[in-house]
Protein backbone atom coordinates (compact mmCIF):
# COMPACT_ATOMS: atom_id res chain seq x y z
CA UNK A 1 -35.13 156.86 194.70
CA UNK A 2 -33.70 154.94 192.20
CA UNK A 3 -30.35 155.41 191.73
CA UNK A 4 -29.47 156.80 187.74
CA UNK A 5 -25.81 154.84 187.39
CA UNK A 6 -27.25 151.50 188.55
CA UNK A 7 -29.01 148.56 185.79
CA UNK A 8 -32.48 147.65 187.43
CA UNK A 9 -34.29 144.35 186.66
CA UNK A 10 -37.59 144.39 186.47
CA UNK A 11 -40.23 141.26 186.58
CA UNK A 12 -43.62 141.99 185.15
CA UNK A 13 -46.85 139.45 184.97
CA UNK A 14 -49.51 139.40 182.82
CA UNK A 15 -51.99 136.58 181.09
CA UNK A 16 -54.02 138.41 179.05
CA UNK A 17 -54.19 140.39 175.70
CA UNK A 18 -55.53 143.70 177.68
CA UNK A 19 -52.31 143.29 180.30
CA UNK A 20 -50.15 142.37 177.42
CA UNK A 21 -50.77 145.96 176.03
CA UNK A 22 -50.74 147.71 179.53
CA UNK A 23 -47.26 146.11 180.51
CA UNK A 24 -45.90 146.77 176.66
CA UNK A 25 -46.55 150.72 177.40
CA UNK A 26 -44.91 150.37 181.02
CA UNK A 27 -42.22 149.19 179.30
CA UNK A 28 -42.09 151.49 176.51
CA UNK A 29 -42.29 154.46 179.21
CA UNK A 30 -39.99 153.45 181.48
CA UNK A 31 -37.02 152.89 178.26
CA UNK A 32 -37.50 156.72 177.63
CA UNK A 33 -36.49 157.60 181.53
CA UNK A 34 -33.04 157.81 182.58
CA UNK A 35 -32.75 154.64 184.65
CA UNK A 36 -30.85 151.94 183.10
CA UNK A 37 -33.89 148.78 183.20
CA UNK A 38 -34.22 145.85 182.21
CA UNK A 39 -37.33 143.31 182.03
CA UNK A 40 -38.01 140.03 182.25
CA UNK A 41 -41.36 138.34 183.21
CA UNK A 42 -44.68 136.62 181.95
CA UNK A 43 -47.03 137.83 179.19
CA UNK A 44 -47.42 138.06 175.22
CA UNK A 45 -45.99 139.39 171.98
CA UNK A 46 -46.18 143.05 172.57
CA UNK A 47 -44.50 142.80 175.81
CA UNK A 48 -41.88 140.67 174.19
CA UNK A 49 -42.19 143.68 171.53
CA UNK A 50 -41.62 145.97 174.19
CA UNK A 51 -37.93 144.76 174.83
CA UNK A 52 -38.86 142.01 177.79
CA UNK A 53 -37.36 138.44 178.08
CA UNK A 54 -40.30 136.10 178.71
CA UNK A 55 -40.08 133.24 180.25
CA UNK A 56 -43.03 131.98 179.37
CA UNK A 57 -46.14 132.79 176.93
CA UNK A 58 -49.79 133.28 178.94
CA UNK A 59 -51.50 135.58 177.01
CA UNK A 60 -53.14 132.38 174.86
CA UNK A 61 -53.79 130.48 178.38
CA UNK A 62 -56.32 133.93 179.29
CA UNK A 63 -59.13 132.15 180.27
CA UNK A 64 -62.58 133.59 182.78
CA UNK A 65 -63.82 131.50 185.74
CA UNK A 66 -65.07 127.89 186.13
CA UNK A 67 -63.43 127.53 181.93
CA UNK A 68 -59.92 128.53 183.83
CA UNK A 69 -59.89 124.85 185.58
CA UNK A 70 -59.01 123.77 182.17
CA UNK A 71 -55.28 125.33 182.39
CA UNK A 72 -54.04 124.50 186.25
CA UNK A 73 -52.44 122.33 186.07
CA UNK A 74 -49.79 124.95 183.44
CA UNK A 75 -50.63 127.57 185.44
CA UNK A 76 -49.35 125.41 188.83
CA UNK A 77 -46.18 124.54 187.03
CA UNK A 78 -45.40 127.97 185.40
CA UNK A 79 -45.98 129.35 189.58
CA UNK A 80 -43.33 127.49 190.44
CA UNK A 81 -41.22 128.13 187.81
CA UNK A 82 -41.68 131.62 188.68
CA UNK A 83 -41.26 131.03 192.01
CA UNK A 84 -37.88 129.41 191.41
CA UNK A 85 -36.62 132.17 188.65
CA UNK A 86 -37.52 134.73 191.94
CA UNK A 87 -35.76 132.92 194.44
CA UNK A 88 -32.42 132.55 192.06
CA UNK A 89 -32.26 136.12 190.26
CA UNK A 90 -31.09 139.46 191.31
CA UNK A 91 -35.13 141.48 191.07
CA UNK A 92 -35.44 144.89 191.80
CA UNK A 93 -39.26 144.92 191.54
CA UNK A 94 -42.50 142.50 190.51
CA UNK A 95 -44.76 144.67 188.49
CA UNK A 96 -47.74 142.37 188.53
CA UNK A 97 -50.64 143.13 185.79
CA UNK A 98 -54.43 142.14 186.65
CA UNK A 99 -55.80 138.59 186.31
CA UNK A 100 -55.77 138.77 190.07
CA UNK A 101 -56.29 134.15 190.41
CA UNK A 102 -53.03 134.14 188.77
CA UNK A 103 -50.61 137.31 189.76
CA UNK A 104 -51.48 136.54 193.39
CA UNK A 105 -49.45 133.68 193.34
CA UNK A 106 -46.84 135.16 191.24
CA UNK A 107 -47.01 138.25 194.13
CA UNK A 108 -46.89 135.67 197.10
CA UNK A 109 -43.85 133.80 195.01
CA UNK A 110 -42.46 137.64 195.05
CA UNK A 111 -43.18 138.31 198.65
CA UNK A 112 -41.56 135.05 199.74
CA UNK A 113 -38.49 136.14 197.77
CA UNK A 114 -38.71 139.38 199.53
CA UNK A 115 -38.69 141.71 196.16
CA UNK A 116 -41.41 144.83 196.41
CA UNK A 117 -44.25 144.34 194.47
CA UNK A 118 -46.50 146.29 192.26
CA UNK A 119 -49.96 145.46 191.25
CA UNK A 120 -50.80 147.44 188.63
CA UNK A 121 -54.68 147.33 187.64
CA UNK A 122 -56.05 146.81 190.92
CA UNK A 123 -58.68 143.61 191.58
CA UNK A 124 -61.99 144.57 191.63
CA UNK A 125 -62.53 143.02 195.42
CA UNK A 126 -65.01 146.26 196.14
CA UNK A 127 -67.22 143.70 193.46
CA UNK A 128 -66.82 140.18 194.58
CA UNK A 129 -64.10 138.63 196.95
CA UNK A 130 -63.94 141.22 199.69
CA UNK A 131 -62.48 138.76 202.02
CA UNK A 132 -59.51 138.49 199.70
CA UNK A 133 -58.14 142.54 200.98
CA UNK A 134 -55.98 140.68 203.30
CA UNK A 135 -54.10 138.73 201.44
CA UNK A 136 -53.62 141.67 199.31
CA UNK A 137 -52.33 143.68 202.10
CA UNK A 138 -50.12 140.85 202.69
CA UNK A 139 -48.50 140.45 199.12
CA UNK A 140 -48.71 144.49 197.87
CA UNK A 141 -45.78 147.03 198.16
CA UNK A 142 -48.16 149.38 196.23
CA UNK A 143 -51.62 149.54 194.41
CA UNK A 144 -52.42 151.20 190.99
CA UNK A 145 -56.04 151.96 190.57
CA UNK A 146 -57.42 152.52 187.11
CA UNK A 147 -60.87 153.40 188.68
CA UNK A 148 -61.07 156.79 190.50
CA UNK A 149 -62.83 155.70 193.17
CA UNK A 150 -60.90 152.60 194.25
CA UNK A 151 -57.94 154.48 195.60
CA UNK A 152 -60.08 155.71 198.30
CA UNK A 153 -61.69 151.91 198.68
CA UNK A 154 -58.48 150.42 199.37
CA UNK A 155 -56.70 153.33 201.00
CA UNK A 156 -59.71 152.69 204.12
CA UNK A 157 -58.87 148.92 204.16
CA UNK A 158 -54.89 149.59 204.92
CA UNK A 159 -53.48 149.54 201.35
CA UNK A 160 -51.17 152.00 199.63
CA UNK A 161 -52.83 152.90 196.76
CA UNK A 162 -52.85 155.48 193.70
CA UNK A 163 -55.04 156.41 191.33
CA UNK A 164 -53.44 156.69 187.96
CA UNK A 165 -55.59 156.97 185.25
CA UNK A 166 -57.27 154.18 182.85
CA UNK A 167 -54.65 152.64 180.39
CA UNK A 168 -57.29 151.42 178.09
CA UNK A 169 -58.20 155.14 177.75
CA UNK A 170 -54.69 156.49 177.35
CA UNK A 171 -54.48 157.05 173.57
CA UNK A 172 -57.64 159.06 172.96
CA UNK A 173 -56.65 162.26 174.67
CA UNK A 174 -58.23 164.75 176.55
CA UNK A 175 -60.99 166.34 174.53
CA UNK A 176 -64.17 163.88 174.61
CA UNK A 177 -66.23 166.66 173.13
CA UNK A 178 -65.59 165.25 169.44
CA UNK A 179 -67.29 162.06 170.30
CA UNK A 180 -70.70 163.70 171.08
CA UNK A 181 -73.09 163.23 168.31
CA UNK A 182 -76.84 164.07 166.75
CA UNK A 183 -78.70 161.09 166.44
CA UNK A 184 -81.94 163.48 164.89
CA UNK A 185 -80.98 162.06 161.48
CA UNK A 186 -80.29 158.74 162.31
CA UNK A 187 -81.96 155.93 160.15
CA UNK A 188 -81.90 152.65 162.42
CA UNK A 189 -82.13 150.13 158.91
CA UNK A 190 -78.48 152.17 157.82
CA UNK A 191 -77.12 151.37 161.49
CA UNK A 192 -73.39 150.53 161.45
CA UNK A 193 -72.99 148.10 164.32
CA UNK A 194 -69.32 147.01 166.08
CA UNK A 195 -69.33 143.39 167.48
CA UNK A 196 -67.05 143.15 170.10
CA UNK A 197 -66.90 139.78 171.63
CA UNK A 198 -63.36 140.10 173.76
CA UNK A 199 -59.95 138.72 173.35
CA UNK A 200 -59.94 135.65 175.51
CA UNK A 201 -60.33 132.09 173.97
CA UNK A 202 -63.29 131.31 176.24
CA UNK A 203 -65.23 134.83 175.66
CA UNK A 204 -64.96 134.00 171.70
CA UNK A 205 -66.46 130.69 172.23
CA UNK A 206 -69.18 131.34 174.22
CA UNK A 207 -70.39 135.09 172.60
CA UNK A 208 -69.22 134.45 169.13
CA UNK A 209 -72.15 132.94 167.78
CA UNK A 210 -74.64 134.50 169.74
CA UNK A 211 -73.60 138.01 168.88
CA UNK A 212 -73.80 136.98 164.60
CA UNK A 213 -76.87 135.40 165.54
CA UNK A 214 -78.65 138.91 166.50
CA UNK A 215 -76.84 140.51 163.93
CA UNK A 216 -78.47 138.88 161.69
CA UNK A 217 -82.24 138.77 163.36
CA UNK A 218 -81.10 142.96 163.31
CA UNK A 219 -80.03 142.75 159.59
CA UNK A 220 -83.57 141.37 158.68
CA UNK A 221 -85.49 144.04 160.53
CA UNK A 222 -82.80 146.78 159.16
CA UNK A 223 -81.65 145.49 155.87
CA UNK A 224 -78.77 148.15 155.02
CA UNK A 225 -77.22 147.27 158.51
CA UNK A 226 -73.24 146.88 158.31
CA UNK A 227 -71.22 144.98 161.17
CA UNK A 228 -67.48 145.13 161.95
CA UNK A 229 -66.12 142.75 164.57
CA UNK A 230 -63.02 143.83 166.32
CA UNK A 231 -60.09 141.02 167.02
CA UNK A 232 -57.24 141.87 169.13
CA UNK A 233 -55.03 140.23 167.05
CA UNK A 234 -54.46 138.24 163.96
CA UNK A 235 -54.58 134.72 165.62
CA UNK A 236 -57.90 136.15 167.29
CA UNK A 237 -58.83 137.58 163.69
CA UNK A 238 -58.44 133.79 162.13
CA UNK A 239 -60.96 132.45 165.02
CA UNK A 240 -63.77 134.16 164.27
CA UNK A 241 -63.31 133.88 160.57
CA UNK A 242 -63.55 130.05 160.89
CA UNK A 243 -66.58 130.67 163.21
CA UNK A 244 -68.55 132.42 161.13
CA UNK A 245 -72.35 131.80 160.45
CA UNK A 246 -72.80 131.07 156.83
CA UNK A 247 -75.49 133.74 156.07
CA UNK A 248 -73.97 136.31 157.74
CA UNK A 249 -72.04 139.12 156.55
CA UNK A 250 -69.31 140.83 158.39
CA UNK A 251 -66.16 143.13 157.97
CA UNK A 252 -63.04 143.05 160.67
CA UNK A 253 -60.59 144.70 162.00
CA UNK A 254 -57.42 144.47 164.46
CA UNK A 255 -56.91 146.17 167.65
CA UNK A 256 -58.83 149.20 167.18
CA UNK A 257 -61.56 148.65 169.29
CA UNK A 258 -61.87 152.99 169.75
CA UNK A 259 -61.85 153.69 166.27
CA UNK A 260 -64.34 151.14 165.54
CA UNK A 261 -66.79 152.26 167.80
CA UNK A 262 -66.30 155.91 167.11
CA UNK A 263 -67.27 154.88 163.63
CA UNK A 264 -70.49 152.99 164.76
CA UNK A 265 -73.81 153.77 165.41
CA UNK A 266 -74.06 150.79 168.34
CA UNK A 267 -71.60 147.87 169.68
CA UNK A 268 -72.72 144.62 171.21
CA UNK A 269 -69.53 144.01 173.35
CA UNK A 270 -68.24 141.28 175.94
CA UNK A 271 -68.22 142.56 179.22
CA UNK A 272 -64.23 143.28 180.14
CA UNK A 273 -61.98 146.35 179.66
CA UNK A 274 -63.37 146.96 175.86
CA UNK A 275 -66.66 148.45 177.39
CA UNK A 276 -64.94 151.46 178.53
CA UNK A 277 -63.32 152.07 175.35
CA UNK A 278 -66.30 152.05 173.96
CA UNK A 279 -68.16 154.46 176.65
CA UNK A 280 -65.24 156.53 176.06
CA UNK A 281 -66.34 157.56 172.74
CA UNK A 282 -69.51 157.59 173.57
CA UNK A 283 -71.18 154.69 171.43
CA UNK A 284 -74.58 153.29 172.64
CA UNK A 285 -74.19 149.71 173.66
CA UNK A 286 -75.63 146.37 175.04
CA UNK A 287 -73.28 144.10 177.37
CA UNK A 288 -72.93 140.64 177.31
CA UNK A 289 -70.89 138.07 179.03
CA UNK A 290 -72.06 134.23 179.78
CA UNK A 291 -71.18 132.07 182.22
CA UNK A 292 -72.37 128.94 183.41
CA UNK A 293 -76.09 128.75 184.69
CA UNK A 294 -75.78 125.94 187.22
CA UNK A 295 -72.35 127.99 188.66
CA UNK A 296 -73.98 131.10 188.20
CA UNK A 297 -76.86 129.61 190.40
CA UNK A 298 -75.13 128.01 192.74
CA UNK A 299 -71.68 130.60 193.58
CA UNK A 300 -71.87 133.70 190.91
CA UNK A 301 -75.18 135.66 192.12
CA UNK A 302 -73.78 134.90 195.91
CA UNK A 303 -70.41 136.52 195.45
CA UNK A 304 -71.16 139.28 193.25
CA UNK A 305 -71.79 142.24 195.95
CA UNK A 306 -72.87 144.90 192.88
CA UNK A 307 -76.15 145.55 191.91
CA UNK A 308 -74.84 146.09 188.58
CA UNK A 309 -72.26 143.59 187.03
CA UNK A 310 -70.82 145.68 183.91
CA UNK A 311 -68.49 148.15 184.58
CA UNK A 312 -70.11 150.76 182.67
CA UNK A 313 -73.44 150.63 184.95
CA UNK A 314 -71.25 150.05 188.00
CA UNK A 315 -69.61 153.82 186.96
CA UNK A 316 -72.99 154.99 185.88
CA UNK A 317 -74.52 153.63 189.28
CA UNK A 318 -77.80 153.03 187.55
CA UNK A 319 -78.23 150.84 183.98
CA UNK A 320 -76.90 153.05 181.50
CA UNK A 321 -77.09 150.42 178.95
CA UNK A 322 -78.42 147.39 178.80
CA UNK A 323 -76.34 144.06 180.42
CA UNK A 324 -76.98 140.21 179.63
CA UNK A 325 -75.16 139.42 182.59
CA UNK A 326 -75.44 136.19 182.86
CA UNK A 327 -76.31 135.62 179.30
CA UNK A 328 -77.36 131.96 179.62
CA UNK A 329 -78.81 130.75 176.15
CA UNK A 330 -82.07 133.27 174.40
CA UNK A 331 -81.08 135.48 172.11
CA UNK A 332 -84.57 137.13 172.02
CA UNK A 333 -84.65 139.75 174.96
CA UNK A 334 -81.13 141.07 173.37
CA UNK A 335 -82.67 141.48 170.09
CA UNK A 336 -85.77 143.29 171.39
CA UNK A 337 -83.42 145.31 173.70
CA UNK A 338 -81.12 146.46 170.44
CA UNK A 339 -83.97 147.61 168.68
CA UNK A 340 -86.21 149.57 171.02
CA UNK A 341 -82.90 151.62 171.46
CA UNK A 342 -82.32 151.97 168.16
CA UNK A 343 -85.90 153.29 167.67
CA UNK A 344 -85.35 156.25 170.35
CA UNK A 345 -83.48 158.95 168.54
CA UNK A 346 -83.72 160.68 171.95
CA UNK A 347 -82.40 157.76 174.28
CA UNK A 348 -79.27 157.03 171.89
CA UNK A 349 -78.14 161.09 172.78
CA UNK A 350 -78.59 160.75 175.92
CA UNK A 351 -76.93 157.67 176.40
CA UNK A 352 -73.64 158.90 174.02
CA UNK A 353 -74.10 161.89 176.60
CA UNK A 354 -73.62 160.52 179.92
CA UNK A 355 -70.84 157.82 178.48
CA UNK A 356 -68.77 160.40 177.77
CA UNK A 357 -69.00 162.03 181.30
CA UNK A 358 -68.83 158.83 182.44
CA UNK A 359 -65.24 158.65 181.04
CA UNK A 360 -63.50 161.66 181.12
CA UNK A 361 -62.24 161.61 184.71
CA UNK A 362 -60.92 158.01 184.09
CA UNK A 363 -59.16 159.72 181.54
CA UNK A 364 -57.32 162.99 184.11
CA UNK A 365 -54.01 160.75 183.86
CA UNK A 366 -51.49 159.08 181.83
CA UNK A 367 -51.96 155.43 183.33
CA UNK A 368 -48.31 154.09 181.62
CA UNK A 369 -46.62 157.18 182.83
CA UNK A 370 -47.88 157.67 186.18
CA UNK A 371 -47.15 153.82 186.49
CA UNK A 372 -43.67 154.00 185.30
CA UNK A 373 -43.29 157.01 188.09
CA UNK A 374 -44.58 154.78 190.70
CA UNK A 375 -42.37 151.73 189.66
CA UNK A 376 -39.44 154.37 189.96
CA UNK A 377 -39.86 155.18 192.96
CA UNK A 378 -39.85 151.85 194.63
CA UNK A 379 -36.65 150.52 192.93
CA UNK A 380 -34.04 151.01 195.51
């Protein structure tokens, strides 16, 4: 157990907006303990505001799969810098959050510097790239899982793993019954839609225009429909506004996935962590993700081992909500799927109930508190 009269230093690594938020909450929680802890690392503005000294703001560079190749040189130099820093500093613990493609390298650097490493948000090796389990065992001293089935899966493969709850649901509280809805009087023509094109620049580039085109089509059939887009921060909101189609009317909100989904009748969501927040408040949705058609057929379809690609449907073990993953170009199947659901109030009510039931086990624990306890125990 850590000593209370010593000053510790924790290095934290995050590379995307959601991880920046998770780590900021973790820092705040650790500061509320009786231990004297300093924080340094790479991440984003939320970590900096929480009291972490940033070597580099990495959040703006967040990318997915093939588009990450654009940033290889930047991250290669950054990893070299982190490695030098870890070797030359008195770091007591390294915490890496999500983004395994980047954070595996950070963890490797920590191992070379003989520093214990905690993985916060287990990489989804159960879904693809399972061969990386050996690398994870090599570089990870403690694994914090945010999906309840992951603890057993990783433990069976030799990892010291613990389910800590899901940080996306930390702010919702335990009362999920309040999110149940009655759709008996629902009128599709008056539907309120939430549009969530993601937090990464690559996601927005790929999905924002198609989502708007889908919305325009829906507006033609449902003239009183309203649309609200969620941006992760002011910068992303400006990007969304700049790319708004001339024939599309939309409201905007910042960082309010749960509140916006709760106020909406239906959501169109980029695949990712936001889908869990939408799930928790029981908002029916369709999920989209765009990829390179060539790379998907050459690699993606062979690497992915799960029957479904969206996290919601993986947890449900069935296609609870329509998923268009990967989405390539045509919006027709997406529009048709949404219209079919909107015209079926019984189906909407069923989805609402099943989504809430799906999310409840993930909120049994408060992730930031659980990870803080693990981190304190790892300090020596």
